[in-house]
Every structure is written in C-alpha cells, then in structure tokens.
Amino acid sequence: MNIAERLLAEAVKHKTRAGHLLSKRLHKLQKKPVTKYKVRKPNKKELEQLRQLLEQQTDREGADDLVKNYHFVVLEGYISDCPGYCGKLLLGVYGCPEFYQLYGWIDGKLVKIEQDEQLR
C-alpha cells in the first residue's frame, strides 16, 4: 500500500468528510486511463524556443543542426504521478536511444530538465 492509499484508508477509517470525498474522487480516477497526454511533433514556435535554448550551450549553427537533424516529440498535457510537474514536455533523441534530453515549460519558458542523480 502506497502512502496515498494509507492516508486515504486512515481518513475513511475516521469517517471524515475529506476522507469520504477523497474516496469518491479516487474511485473516479481509477476508472480513467492514466496516460491522457497527447504525443505530437513540435510546432515551429516550440522548435524555435528549443533552438534558442540550445544556442546558449553551443553556437547558432550547432543549435540549428541539432534542431534540424534529430528527433523531437511533445507530450502535451503531461501530469506527474506525484507533486512536481504538469504541462508540456519535449523529448529529444540525439542519434542512439541512450542519448536523449528532456525539456519542459516553466512559466512559459523552455528549460532543460535534469534527471535525478539517484535514478541514473
């Protein structure tokens, strides 16, 4: 049993109004698919934001090459399974599948998302 389920069980056990509402909401969520985000190709504006971000790490020509020659997809409507991130993600694969980078939009600005060191 994960922590959310334990908290829910405790709230329901004590018959709190919040526990009842949470129980009903969780029941509804379990009927819905977890992956409701859409996968699509990035549009011109998103690719331009990416090029500008990459230009900070390399020169303009290098950034243009990366944007033109590698593979990118946007995951629209992504919501993490814990508090953290909600919105669009941009995934770039640079050649081999081992060479990838994840980007996200925070306050309307595209940023590079680093993987947690413990997960590597």
PDB file of N, CA and C in Angstrom:
ATOM      1  N   MET A   1       0.855  -1.174   0.000  1.00  0.00           N
ATOM      2  CA  MET A   1       0.000   0.000   0.000  1.00  0.00           C
ATOM      3  C   MET A   1       0.904   1.241   0.000  1.00  0.00           C
ATOM      4  N   ASN A   2       0.679   2.133  -0.962  1.00  0.00           N
ATOM      5  CA  ASN A   2       1.497   3.349  -1.015  1.00  0.00           C
ATOM      6  C   ASN A   2       0.978   4.373  -0.015  1.00  0.00           C
ATOM      7  N   ILE A   3       1.704   5.462   0.108  1.00  0.00           N
ATOM      8  CA  ILE A   3       1.364   6.466   1.131  1.00  0.00           C
ATOM      9  C   ILE A   3       0.002   7.104   0.887  1.00  0.00           C
ATOM     10  N   ALA A   4      -0.358   7.339  -0.382  1.00  0.00           N
ATOM     11  CA  ALA A   4      -1.663   7.932  -0.683  1.00  0.00           C
ATOM     12  C   ALA A   4      -2.791   7.000  -0.254  1.00  0.00           C
ATOM     13  N   GLU A   5      -2.622   5.709  -0.516  1.00  0.00           N
ATOM     14  CA  GLU A   5      -3.639   4.744  -0.124  1.00  0.00           C
ATOM     15  C   GLU A   5      -3.750   4.640   1.398  1.00  0.00           C
ATOM     16  N   ARG A   6      -2.607   4.713   2.099  1.00  0.00           N
ATOM     17  CA  ARG A   6      -2.624   4.662   3.567  1.00  0.00           C
ATOM     18  C   ARG A   6      -3.338   5.891   4.141  1.00  0.00           C
ATOM     19  N   LEU A   7      -3.026   7.073   3.577  1.00  0.00           N
ATOM     20  CA  LEU A   7      -3.686   8.290   4.050  1.00  0.00           C
ATOM     21  C   LEU A   7      -5.193   8.230   3.801  1.00  0.00           C
ATOM     22  N   LEU A   8      -5.560   7.725   2.624  1.00  0.00           N
ATOM     23  CA  LEU A   8      -6.977   7.591   2.304  1.00  0.00           C
ATOM     24  C   LEU A   8      -7.651   6.632   3.272  1.00  0.00           C
ATOM     25  N   ALA A   9      -7.030   5.484   3.531  1.00  0.00           N
ATOM     26  CA  ALA A   9      -7.605   4.491   4.445  1.00  0.00           C
ATOM     27  C   ALA A   9      -7.776   5.082   5.840  1.00  0.00           C
ATOM     28  N   GLU A  10      -6.796   5.850   6.292  1.00  0.00           N
ATOM     29  CA  GLU A  10      -6.872   6.475   7.607  1.00  0.00           C
ATOM     30  C   GLU A  10      -8.008   7.498   7.666  1.00  0.00           C
ATOM     31  N   ALA A  11      -8.156   8.309   6.611  1.00  0.00           N
ATOM     32  CA  ALA A  11      -9.221   9.318   6.575  1.00  0.00           C
ATOM     33  C   ALA A  11     -10.594   8.654   6.552  1.00  0.00           C
ATOM     34  N   VAL A  12     -10.739   7.592   5.771  1.00  0.00           N
ATOM     35  CA  VAL A  12     -12.019   6.883   5.683  1.00  0.00           C
ATOM     36  C   VAL A  12     -12.325   6.191   7.008  1.00  0.00           C
ATOM     37  N   LYS A  13     -11.297   5.627   7.640  1.00  0.00           N
ATOM     38  CA  LYS A  13     -11.459   4.932   8.921  1.00  0.00           C
ATOM     39  C   LYS A  13     -12.043   5.868   9.977  1.00  0.00           C
ATOM     40  N   HIS A  14     -11.590   7.103   9.983  1.00  0.00           N
ATOM     41  CA  HIS A  14     -12.074   8.068  10.960  1.00  0.00           C
ATOM     42  C   HIS A  14     -13.334   8.792  10.482  1.00  0.00           C
ATOM     43  N   LYS A  15     -13.851   8.379   9.330  1.00  0.00           N
ATOM     44  CA  LYS A  15     -15.115   8.888   8.782  1.00  0.00           C
ATOM     45  C   LYS A  15     -15.142  10.410   8.657  1.00  0.00           C
ATOM     46  N   THR A  16     -14.062  10.946   8.164  1.00  0.00           N
ATOM     47  CA  THR A  16     -14.038  12.387   7.952  1.00  0.00           C
ATOM     48  C   THR A  16     -14.698  12.720   6.628  1.00  0.00           C
ATOM     49  N   ARG A  17     -15.203  13.927   6.512  1.00  0.00           N
ATOM     50  CA  ARG A  17     -15.817  14.383   5.254  1.00  0.00           C
ATOM     51  C   ARG A  17     -14.772  14.381   4.146  1.00  0.00           C
ATOM     52  N   ALA A  18     -13.556  14.826   4.463  1.00  0.00           N
ATOM     53  CA  ALA A  18     -12.485  14.838   3.469  1.00  0.00           C
ATOM     54  C   ALA A  18     -12.171  13.423   3.002  1.00  0.00           C
ATOM     55  N   GLY A  19     -12.186  12.483   3.929  1.00  0.00           N
ATOM     56  CA  GLY A  19     -11.918  11.086   3.568  1.00  0.00           C
ATOM     57  C   GLY A  19     -12.969  10.543   2.626  1.00  0.00           C
ATOM     58  N   HIS A  20     -14.221  10.888   2.883  1.00  0.00           N
ATOM     59  CA  HIS A  20     -15.319  10.448   2.020  1.00  0.00           C
ATOM     60  C   HIS A  20     -15.175  11.030   0.610  1.00  0.00           C
ATOM     61  N   LEU A  21     -14.907  12.342   0.541  1.00  0.00           N
ATOM     62  CA  LEU A  21     -14.753  12.993  -0.760  1.00  0.00           C
ATOM     63  C   LEU A  21     -13.541  12.458  -1.503  1.00  0.00           C
ATOM     64  N   LEU A  22     -12.458  12.244  -0.780  1.00  0.00           N
ATOM     65  CA  LEU A  22     -11.240  11.714  -1.389  1.00  0.00           C
ATOM     66  C   LEU A  22     -11.470  10.303  -1.921  1.00  0.00           C
ATOM     67  N   SER A  23     -12.199   9.513  -1.164  1.00  0.00           N
ATOM     68  CA  SER A  23     -12.518   8.153  -1.580  1.00  0.00           C
ATOM     69  C   SER A  23     -13.318   8.149  -2.878  1.00  0.00           C
ATOM     70  N   LYS A  24     -14.328   9.030  -2.964  1.00  0.00           N
ATOM     71  CA  LYS A  24     -15.138   9.119  -4.177  1.00  0.00           C
ATOM     72  C   LYS A  24     -14.291   9.556  -5.377  1.00  0.00           C
ATOM     73  N   ARG A  25     -13.427  10.551  -5.148  1.00  0.00           N
ATOM     74  CA  ARG A  25     -12.577  11.081  -6.234  1.00  0.00           C
ATOM     75  C   ARG A  25     -11.585  10.025  -6.709  1.00  0.00           C
ATOM     76  N   LEU A  26     -10.978   9.305  -5.779  1.00  0.00           N
ATOM     77  CA  LEU A  26     -10.020   8.263  -6.142  1.00  0.00           C
ATOM     78  C   LEU A  26     -10.701   7.169  -6.945  1.00  0.00           C
ATOM     79  N   HIS A  27     -11.925   6.823  -6.546  1.00  0.00           N
ATOM     80  CA  HIS A  27     -12.678   5.805  -7.269  1.00  0.00           C
ATOM     81  C   HIS A  27     -12.922   6.227  -8.718  1.00  0.00           C
ATOM     82  N   LYS A  28     -13.266   7.504  -8.921  1.00  0.00           N
ATOM     83  CA  LYS A  28     -13.480   8.022 -10.280  1.00  0.00           C
ATOM     84  C   LYS A  28     -12.188   8.009 -11.084  1.00  0.00           C
ATOM     85  N   LEU A  29     -11.082   8.401 -10.446  1.00  0.00           N
ATOM     86  CA  LEU A  29      -9.795   8.453 -11.145  1.00  0.00           C
ATOM     87  C   LEU A  29      -9.335   7.074 -11.581  1.00  0.00           C
ATOM     88  N   GLN A  30      -9.616   6.059 -10.789  1.00  0.00           N
ATOM     89  CA  GLN A  30      -9.178   4.709 -11.130  1.00  0.00           C
ATOM     90  C   GLN A  30      -9.872   4.184 -12.372  1.00  0.00           C
ATOM     91  N   LYS A  31     -11.016   4.760 -12.729  1.00  0.00           N
ATOM     92  CA  LYS A  31     -11.734   4.335 -13.922  1.00  0.00           C
ATOM     93  C   LYS A  31     -11.195   4.992 -15.191  1.00  0.00           C
ATOM     94  N   LYS A  32     -10.377   6.038 -15.019  1.00  0.00           N
ATOM     95  CA  LYS A  32      -9.850   6.767 -16.163  1.00  0.00           C
ATOM     96  C   LYS A  32      -8.455   6.259 -16.513  1.00  0.00           C
ATOM     97  N   PRO A  33      -8.071   6.306 -17.796  1.00  0.00           N
ATOM     98  CA  PRO A  33      -6.711   5.911 -18.160  1.00  0.00           C
ATOM     99  C   PRO A  33      -5.696   6.884 -17.569  1.00  0.00           C
ATOM    100  N   VAL A  34      -4.550   6.356 -17.188  1.00  0.00           N
ATOM    101  CA  VAL A  34      -3.513   7.173 -16.572  1.00  0.00           C
ATOM    102  C   VAL A  34      -2.853   8.086 -17.599  1.00  0.00           C
ATOM    103  N   THR A  35      -2.637   7.591 -18.794  1.00  0.00           N
ATOM    104  CA  THR A  35      -1.943   8.364 -19.821  1.00  0.00           C
ATOM    105  C   THR A  35      -2.942   9.091 -20.704  1.00  0.00           C
ATOM    106  N   LYS A  36      -3.268  10.312 -20.327  1.00  0.00           N
ATOM    107  CA  LYS A  36      -4.205  11.113 -21.101  1.00  0.00           C
ATOM    108  C   LYS A  36      -3.491  12.149 -21.950  1.00  0.00           C
ATOM    109  N   TYR A  37      -2.180  12.165 -21.914  1.00  0.00           N
ATOM    110  CA  TYR A  37      -1.455  13.165 -22.689  1.00  0.00           C
ATOM    111  C   TYR A  37      -1.402  12.752 -24.160  1.00  0.00           C
ATOM    112  N   LYS A  38      -1.206  13.750 -25.025  1.00  0.00           N
ATOM    113  CA  LYS A  38      -1.103  13.521 -26.463  1.00  0.00           C
ATOM    114  C   LYS A  38       0.351  13.637 -26.880  1.00  0.00           C
ATOM    115  N   VAL A  39       0.751  12.810 -27.814  1.00  0.00           N
ATOM    116  CA  VAL A  39       2.103  12.865 -28.369  1.00  0.00           C
ATOM    117  C   VAL A  39       1.996  13.454 -29.766  1.00  0.00           C
ATOM    118  N   ARG A  40       2.826  14.458 -30.036  1.00  0.00           N
ATOM    119  CA  ARG A  40       2.797  15.099 -31.351  1.00  0.00           C
ATOM    120  C   ARG A  40       4.175  15.658 -31.680  1.00  0.00           C
ATOM    121  N   LYS A  41       4.334  16.060 -32.939  1.00  0.00           N
ATOM    122  CA  LYS A  41       5.560  16.726 -33.353  1.00  0.00           C
ATOM    123  C   LYS A  41       5.549  18.159 -32.828  1.00  0.00           C
ATOM    124  N   PRO A  42       6.720  18.698 -32.483  1.00  0.00           N
ATOM    125  CA  PRO A  42       6.750  20.094 -32.030  1.00  0.00           C
ATOM    126  C   PRO A  42       6.415  21.052 -33.164  1.00  0.00           C
ATOM    127  N   ASN A  43       5.754  22.142 -32.833  1.00  0.00           N
ATOM    128  CA  ASN A  43       5.442  23.150 -33.847  1.00  0.00           C
ATOM    129  C   ASN A  43       6.644  24.092 -34.029  1.00  0.00           C
ATOM    130  N   LYS A  44       6.517  25.040 -34.952  1.00  0.00           N
ATOM    131  CA  LYS A  44       7.631  25.951 -35.266  1.00  0.00           C
ATOM    132  C   LYS A  44       8.052  26.786 -34.062  1.00  0.00           C
ATOM    133  N   LYS A  45       7.074  27.269 -33.304  1.00  0.00           N
ATOM    134  CA  LYS A  45       7.387  28.092 -32.134  1.00  0.00           C
ATOM    135  C   LYS A  45       8.176  27.289 -31.096  1.00  0.00           C
ATOM    136  N   GLU A  46       7.769  26.049 -30.856  1.00  0.00           N
ATOM    137  CA  GLU A  46       8.463  25.196 -29.886  1.00  0.00           C
ATOM    138  C   GLU A  46       9.874  24.865 -30.351  1.00  0.00           C
ATOM    139  N   LEU A  47      10.039  24.615 -31.649  1.00  0.00           N
ATOM    140  CA  LEU A  47      11.379  24.347 -32.183  1.00  0.00           C
ATOM    141  C   LEU A  47      12.267  25.588 -32.103  1.00  0.00           C
ATOM    142  N   GLU A  48      11.681  26.752 -32.277  1.00  0.00           N
ATOM    143  CA  GLU A  48      12.455  27.988 -32.147  1.00  0.00           C
ATOM    144  C   GLU A  48      12.887  28.202 -30.697  1.00  0.00           C
ATOM    145  N   GLN A  49      12.001  27.917 -29.749  1.00  0.00           N
ATOM    146  CA  GLN A  49      12.371  28.007 -28.338  1.00  0.00           C
ATOM    147  C   GLN A  49      13.514  27.031 -28.020  1.00  0.00           C
ATOM    148  N   LEU A  50      13.434  25.839 -28.591  1.00  0.00           N
ATOM    149  CA  LEU A  50      14.487  24.848 -28.388  1.00  0.00           C
ATOM    150  C   LEU A  50      15.803  25.328 -28.981  1.00  0.00           C
ATOM    151  N   ARG A  51      15.743  25.863 -30.196  1.00  0.00           N
ATOM    152  CA  ARG A  51      16.961  26.361 -30.837  1.00  0.00           C
ATOM    153  C   ARG A  51      17.602  27.447 -29.987  1.00  0.00           C
ATOM    154  N   GLN A  52      16.800  28.365 -29.454  1.00  0.00           N
ATOM    155  CA  GLN A  52      17.332  29.437 -28.609  1.00  0.00           C
ATOM    156  C   GLN A  52      17.970  28.886 -27.340  1.00  0.00           C
ATOM    157  N   LEU A  53      17.357  27.877 -26.761  1.00  0.00           N
ATOM    158  CA  LEU A  53      17.922  27.264 -25.561  1.00  0.00           C
ATOM    159  C   LEU A  53      19.242  26.563 -25.873  1.00  0.00           C
ATOM    160  N   LEU A  54      19.270  25.812 -26.976  1.00  0.00           N
ATOM    161  CA  LEU A  54      20.492  25.103 -27.360  1.00  0.00           C
ATOM    162  C   LEU A  54      21.606  26.066 -27.746  1.00  0.00           C
ATOM    163  N   GLU A  55      21.231  27.217 -28.262  1.00  0.00           N
ATOM    164  CA  GLU A  55      22.216  28.225 -28.665  1.00  0.00           C
ATOM    165  C   GLU A  55      23.014  28.733 -27.453  1.00  0.00           C
ATOM    166  N   GLN A  56      22.437  28.643 -26.273  1.00  0.00           N
ATOM    167  CA  GLN A  56      23.148  29.046 -25.059  1.00  0.00           C
ATOM    168  C   GLN A  56      24.280  28.078 -24.729  1.00  0.00           C
ATOM    169  N   GLN A  57      24.176  26.834 -25.226  1.00  0.00           N
ATOM    170  CA  GLN A  57      25.178  25.808 -24.948  1.00  0.00           C
ATOM    171  C   GLN A  57      26.192  25.661 -26.085  1.00  0.00           C
ATOM    172  N   THR A  58      25.810  26.083 -27.270  1.00  0.00           N
ATOM    173  CA  THR A  58      26.665  25.948 -28.458  1.00  0.00           C
ATOM    174  C   THR A  58      26.452  27.195 -29.314  1.00  0.00           C
ATOM    175  N   ASP A  59      27.033  27.207 -30.491  1.00  0.00           N
ATOM    176  CA  ASP A  59      26.811  28.349 -31.381  1.00  0.00           C
ATOM    177  C   ASP A  59      25.506  28.178 -32.161  1.00  0.00           C
ATOM    178  N   ARG A  60      25.130  29.208 -32.904  1.00  0.00           N
ATOM    179  CA  ARG A  60      23.858  29.181 -33.639  1.00  0.00           C
ATOM    180  C   ARG A  60      23.822  28.047 -34.655  1.00  0.00           C
ATOM    181  N   GLU A  61      24.921  27.831 -35.354  1.00  0.00           N
ATOM    182  CA  GLU A  61      24.964  26.767 -36.364  1.00  0.00           C
ATOM    183  C   GLU A  61      24.795  25.392 -35.709  1.00  0.00           C
ATOM    184  N   GLY A  62      25.438  25.192 -34.578  1.00  0.00           N
ATOM    185  CA  GLY A  62      25.307  23.922 -33.861  1.00  0.00           C
ATOM    186  C   GLY A  62      23.891  23.693 -33.374  1.00  0.00           C
ATOM    187  N   ALA A  63      23.263  24.753 -32.868  1.00  0.00           N
ATOM    188  CA  ALA A  63      21.879  24.652 -32.399  1.00  0.00           C
ATOM    189  C   ALA A  63      20.936  24.344 -33.559  1.00  0.00           C
ATOM    190  N   ASP A  64      21.152  25.002 -34.698  1.00  0.00           N
ATOM    191  CA  ASP A  64      20.328  24.735 -35.890  1.00  0.00           C
ATOM    192  C   ASP A  64      20.460  23.286 -36.326  1.00  0.00           C
ATOM    193  N   ASP A  65      21.691  22.760 -36.317  1.00  0.00           N
ATOM    194  CA  ASP A  65      21.926  21.365 -36.710  1.00  0.00           C
ATOM    195  C   ASP A  65      21.193  20.398 -35.788  1.00  0.00           C
ATOM    196  N   LEU A  66      21.256  20.648 -34.482  1.00  0.00           N
ATOM    197  CA  LEU A  66      20.575  19.766 -33.532  1.00  0.00           C
ATOM    198  C   LEU A  66      19.067  19.757 -33.763  1.00  0.00           C
ATOM    199  N   VAL A  67      18.493  20.924 -33.956  1.00  0.00           N
ATOM    200  CA  VAL A  67      17.040  21.024 -34.144  1.00  0.00           C
ATOM    201  C   VAL A  67      16.614  20.371 -35.461  1.00  0.00           C
ATOM    202  N   LYS A  68      17.408  20.545 -36.512  1.00  0.00           N
ATOM    203  CA  LYS A  68      17.034  20.022 -37.834  1.00  0.00           C
ATOM    204  C   LYS A  68      17.281  18.526 -37.988  1.00  0.00           C
ATOM    205  N   ASN A  69      18.308  17.994 -37.345  1.00  0.00           N
ATOM    206  CA  ASN A  69      18.760  16.641 -37.654  1.00  0.00           C
ATOM    207  C   ASN A  69      18.406  15.572 -36.632  1.00  0.00           C
ATOM    208  N   TYR A  70      17.784  15.939 -35.547  1.00  0.00           N
ATOM    209  CA  TYR A  70      17.442  14.940 -34.543  1.00  0.00           C
ATOM    210  C   TYR A  70      15.944  14.859 -34.355  1.00  0.00           C
ATOM    211  N   HIS A  71      15.515  13.944 -33.508  1.00  0.00           N
ATOM    212  CA  HIS A  71      14.098  13.626 -33.380  1.00  0.00           C
ATOM    213  C   HIS A  71      13.522  14.207 -32.088  1.00  0.00           C
ATOM    214  N   PHE A  72      12.373  14.877 -32.209  1.00  0.00           N
ATOM    215  CA  PHE A  72      11.717  15.508 -31.073  1.00  0.00           C
ATOM    216  C   PHE A  72      10.230  15.202 -31.081  1.00  0.00           C
ATOM    217  N   VAL A  73       9.671  15.011 -29.898  1.00  0.00           N
ATOM    218  CA  VAL A  73       8.228  14.866 -29.736  1.00  0.00           C
ATOM    219  C   VAL A  73       7.802  15.700 -28.534  1.00  0.00           C
ATOM    220  N   VAL A  74       6.552  16.135 -28.561  1.00  0.00           N
ATOM    221  CA  VAL A  74       5.967  16.880 -27.448  1.00  0.00           C
ATOM    222  C   VAL A  74       4.921  15.987 -26.800  1.00  0.00           C
ATOM    223  N   LEU A  75       4.999  15.878 -25.486  1.00  0.00           N
ATOM    224  CA  LEU A  75       3.970  15.207 -24.698  1.00  0.00           C
ATOM    225  C   LEU A  75       3.107  16.326 -24.117  1.00  0.00           C
ATOM    226  N   GLU A  76       1.918  16.460 -24.638  1.00  0.00           N
ATOM    227  CA  GLU A  76       1.041  17.569 -24.231  1.00  0.00           C
ATOM    228  C   GLU A  76       0.070  17.091 -23.161  1.00  0.00           C
ATOM    229  N   GLY A  77      -0.072  17.882 -22.107  1.00  0.00           N
ATOM    230  CA  GLY A  77      -0.988  17.536 -21.026  1.00  0.00           C
ATOM    231  C   GLY A  77      -0.421  16.526 -20.053  1.00  0.00           C
ATOM    232  N   TYR A  78       0.903  16.455 -19.932  1.00  0.00           N
ATOM    233  CA  TYR A  78       1.533  15.513 -19.011  1.00  0.00           C
ATOM    234  C   TYR A  78       1.302  15.955 -17.563  1.00  0.00           C
ATOM    235  N   ILE A  79       0.988  14.996 -16.691  1.00  0.00           N
ATOM    236  CA  ILE A  79       0.857  15.254 -15.258  1.00  0.00           C
ATOM    237  C   ILE A  79       1.635  14.156 -14.542  1.00  0.00           C
ATOM    238  N   SER A  80       2.598  14.559 -13.710  1.00  0.00           N
ATOM    239  CA  SER A  80       3.380  13.563 -12.981  1.00  0.00           C
ATOM    240  C   SER A  80       2.499  12.870 -11.946  1.00  0.00           C
ATOM    241  N   ASP A  81       2.938  11.674 -11.515  1.00  0.00           N
ATOM    242  CA  ASP A  81       2.148  10.910 -10.556  1.00  0.00           C
ATOM    243  C   ASP A  81       2.380  11.351  -9.118  1.00  0.00           C
ATOM    244  N   CYS A  82       3.186  12.356  -8.923  1.00  0.00           N
ATOM    245  CA  CYS A  82       3.397  12.932  -7.597  1.00  0.00           C
ATOM    246  C   CYS A  82       3.500  14.439  -7.785  1.00  0.00           C
ATOM    247  N   PRO A  83       3.442  15.210  -6.729  1.00  0.00           N
ATOM    248  CA  PRO A  83       3.573  16.662  -6.915  1.00  0.00           C
ATOM    249  C   PRO A  83       4.877  16.989  -7.629  1.00  0.00           C
ATOM    250  N   GLY A  84       4.800  17.786  -8.626  1.00  0.00           N
ATOM    251  CA  GLY A  84       6.013  18.111  -9.344  1.00  0.00           C
ATOM    252  C   GLY A  84       5.778  18.876 -10.623  1.00  0.00           C
ATOM    253  N   TYR A  85       5.250  18.226 -11.660  1.00  0.00           N
ATOM    254  CA  TYR A  85       5.169  18.889 -12.954  1.00  0.00           C
ATOM    255  C   TYR A  85       3.836  18.597 -13.623  1.00  0.00           C
ATOM    256  N   CYS A  86       3.323  19.611 -14.285  1.00  0.00           N
ATOM    257  CA  CYS A  86       2.093  19.492 -15.052  1.00  0.00           C
ATOM    258  C   CYS A  86       2.231  20.407 -16.258  1.00  0.00           C
ATOM    259  N   GLY A  87       2.099  19.875 -17.447  1.00  0.00           N
ATOM    260  CA  GLY A  87       2.202  20.690 -18.653  1.00  0.00           C
ATOM    261  C   GLY A  87       2.805  19.922 -19.809  1.00  0.00           C
ATOM    262  N   LYS A  88       3.410  20.669 -20.724  1.00  0.00           N
ATOM    263  CA  LYS A  88       4.029  20.064 -21.904  1.00  0.00           C
ATOM    264  C   LYS A  88       5.456  19.632 -21.580  1.00  0.00           C
ATOM    265  N   LEU A  89       5.878  18.541 -22.208  1.00  0.00           N
ATOM    266  CA  LEU A  89       7.268  18.100 -22.170  1.00  0.00           C
ATOM    267  C   LEU A  89       7.748  17.950 -23.602  1.00  0.00           C
ATOM    268  N   LEU A  90       9.019  18.189 -23.824  1.00  0.00           N
ATOM    269  CA  LEU A  90       9.632  17.996 -25.130  1.00  0.00           C
ATOM    270  C   LEU A  90      10.763  16.999 -24.939  1.00  0.00           C
ATOM    271  N   LEU A  91      10.709  15.911 -25.672  1.00  0.00           N
ATOM    272  CA  LEU A  91      11.734  14.875 -25.595  1.00  0.00           C
ATOM    273  C   LEU A  91      12.547  14.893 -26.871  1.00  0.00           C
ATOM    274  N   GLY A  92      13.863  14.982 -26.730  1.00  0.00           N
ATOM    275  CA  GLY A  92      14.762  14.950 -27.879  1.00  0.00           C
ATOM    276  C   GLY A  92      15.626  13.703 -27.829  1.00  0.00           C
ATOM    277  N   VAL A  93      15.712  12.987 -28.945  1.00  0.00           N
ATOM    278  CA  VAL A  93      16.583  11.817 -29.060  1.00  0.00           C
ATOM    279  C   VAL A  93      17.654  12.163 -30.080  1.00  0.00           C
ATOM    280  N   TYR A  94      18.900  12.112 -29.628  1.00  0.00           N
ATOM    281  CA  TYR A  94      20.039  12.520 -30.448  1.00  0.00           C
ATOM    282  C   TYR A  94      20.790  11.287 -30.931  1.00  0.00           C
ATOM    283  N   GLY A  95      20.348  10.687 -32.026  1.00  0.00           N
ATOM    284  CA  GLY A  95      21.013   9.505 -32.562  1.00  0.00           C
ATOM    285  C   GLY A  95      20.550   8.247 -31.856  1.00  0.00           C
ATOM    286  N   CYS A  96      21.423   7.657 -31.061  1.00  0.00           N
ATOM    287  CA  CYS A  96      21.103   6.427 -30.326  1.00  0.00           C
ATOM    288  C   CYS A  96      20.102   6.718 -29.208  1.00  0.00           C
ATOM    289  N   PRO A  97      19.283   5.732 -28.839  1.00  0.00           N
ATOM    290  CA  PRO A  97      18.302   5.947 -27.769  1.00  0.00           C
ATOM    291  C   PRO A  97      18.920   6.330 -26.424  1.00  0.00           C
ATOM    292  N   GLU A  98      20.187   6.003 -26.220  1.00  0.00           N
ATOM    293  CA  GLU A  98      20.851   6.358 -24.956  1.00  0.00           C
ATOM    294  C   GLU A  98      21.103   7.855 -24.840  1.00  0.00           C
ATOM    295  N   PHE A  99      21.075   8.563 -25.974  1.00  0.00           N
ATOM    296  CA  PHE A  99      21.357   9.999 -25.992  1.00  0.00           C
ATOM    297  C   PHE A  99      20.044  10.765 -26.146  1.00  0.00           C
ATOM    298  N   TYR A 100      19.475  11.114 -25.024  1.00  0.00           N
ATOM    299  CA  TYR A 100      18.201  11.829 -25.030  1.00  0.00           C
ATOM    300  C   TYR A 100      18.258  12.971 -24.031  1.00  0.00           C
ATOM    301  N   GLN A 101      17.352  13.919 -24.209  1.00  0.00           N
ATOM    302  CA  GLN A 101      17.236  15.034 -23.268  1.00  0.00           C
ATOM    303  C   GLN A 101      15.769  15.397 -23.144  1.00  0.00           C
ATOM    304  N   LEU A 102      15.377  15.754 -21.941  1.00  0.00           N
ATOM    305  CA  LEU A 102      14.007  16.140 -21.668  1.00  0.00           C
ATOM    306  C   LEU A 102      13.960  17.629 -21.346  1.00  0.00           C
ATOM    307  N   TYR A 103      12.958  18.295 -21.894  1.00  0.00           N
ATOM    308  CA  TYR A 103      12.758  19.722 -21.672  1.00  0.00           C
ATOM    309  C   TYR A 103      11.315  19.937 -21.227  1.00  0.00           C
ATOM    310  N   GLY A 104      11.083  21.001 -20.503  1.00  0.00           N
ATOM    311  CA  GLY A 104       9.729  21.343 -20.067  1.00  0.00           C
ATOM    312  C   GLY A 104       9.540  22.845 -20.078  1.00  0.00           C
ATOM    313  N   TRP A 105       8.310  23.263 -20.009  1.00  0.00           N
ATOM    314  CA  TRP A 105       7.983  24.694 -19.984  1.00  0.00           C
ATOM    315  C   TRP A 105       7.644  25.089 -18.556  1.00  0.00           C
ATOM    316  N   ILE A 106       8.402  26.021 -18.014  1.00  0.00           N
ATOM    317  CA  ILE A 106       8.142  26.557 -16.689  1.00  0.00           C
ATOM    318  C   ILE A 106       7.929  28.057 -16.845  1.00  0.00           C
ATOM    319  N   ASP A 107       6.762  28.517 -16.435  1.00  0.00           N
ATOM    320  CA  ASP A 107       6.365  29.920 -16.607  1.00  0.00           C
ATOM    321  C   ASP A 107       6.497  30.361 -18.057  1.00  0.00           C
ATOM    322  N   GLY A 108       6.126  29.469 -18.990  1.00  0.00           N
ATOM    323  CA  GLY A 108       6.142  29.787 -20.412  1.00  0.00           C
ATOM    324  C   GLY A 108       7.500  29.721 -21.078  1.00  0.00           C
ATOM    325  N   LYS A 109       8.540  29.380 -20.321  1.00  0.00           N
ATOM    326  CA  LYS A 109       9.894  29.331 -20.875  1.00  0.00           C
ATOM    327  C   LYS A 109      10.388  27.887 -20.916  1.00  0.00           C
ATOM    328  N   LEU A 110      10.973  27.499 -22.044  1.00  0.00           N
ATOM    329  CA  LEU A 110      11.513  26.150 -22.203  1.00  0.00           C
ATOM    330  C   LEU A 110      12.799  26.017 -21.392  1.00  0.00           C
ATOM    331  N   VAL A 111      12.870  24.963 -20.576  1.00  0.00           N
ATOM    332  CA  VAL A 111      14.052  24.714 -19.754  1.00  0.00           C
ATOM    333  C   VAL A 111      14.465  23.247 -19.871  1.00  0.00           C
ATOM    334  N   LYS A 112      15.741  23.004 -19.680  1.00  0.00           N
ATOM    335  CA  LYS A 112      16.274  21.643 -19.678  1.00  0.00           C
ATOM    336  C   LYS A 112      15.958  21.006 -18.338  1.00  0.00           C
ATOM    337  N   ILE A 113      15.454  19.780 -18.364  1.00  0.00           N
ATOM    338  CA  ILE A 113      15.133  19.057 -17.136  1.00  0.00           C
ATOM    339  C   ILE A 113      16.203  17.993 -16.921  1.00  0.00           C
ATOM    340  N   GLU A 114      16.889  18.100 -15.806  1.00  0.00           N
ATOM    341  CA  GLU A 114      17.948  17.156 -15.469  1.00  0.00           C
ATOM    342  C   GLU A 114      17.355  15.959 -14.731  1.00  0.00           C
ATOM    343  N   GLN A 115      17.890  14.776 -15.008  1.00  0.00           N
ATOM    344  CA  GLN A 115      17.451  13.590 -14.313  1.00  0.00           C
ATOM    345  C   GLN A 115      18.083  13.544 -12.926  1.00  0.00           C
ATOM    346  N   ASP A 116      17.327  13.086 -11.944  1.00  0.00           N
ATOM    347  CA  ASP A 116      17.824  12.948 -10.592  1.00  0.00           C
ATOM    348  C   ASP A 116      19.003  11.984 -10.595  1.00  0.00           C
ATOM    349  N   GLU A 117      20.075  12.355  -9.928  1.00  0.00           N
ATOM    350  CA  GLU A 117      21.295  11.540  -9.892  1.00  0.00           C
ATOM    351  C   GLU A 117      21.028  10.136  -9.341  1.00  0.00           C
ATOM    352  N   GLN A 118      20.093   9.994  -8.411  1.00  0.00           N
ATOM    353  CA  GLN A 118      19.808   8.697  -7.825  1.00  0.00           C
ATOM    354  C   GLN A 118      19.112   7.761  -8.806  1.00  0.00           C
ATOM    355  N   LEU A 119      18.532   8.305  -9.850  1.00  0.00           N
ATOM    356  CA  LEU A 119      17.828   7.482 -10.831  1.00  0.00           C
ATOM    357  C   LEU A 119      18.712   7.020 -11.974  1.00  0.00           C
ATOM    358  N   ARG A 120      19.911   7.542 -12.047  1.00  0.00           N
ATOM    359  CA  ARG A 120      20.802   7.164 -13.151  1.00  0.00           C
ATOM    360  C   ARG A 120      21.452   5.839 -12.936  1.00  0.00           C
TER     361      ARG A 120
END
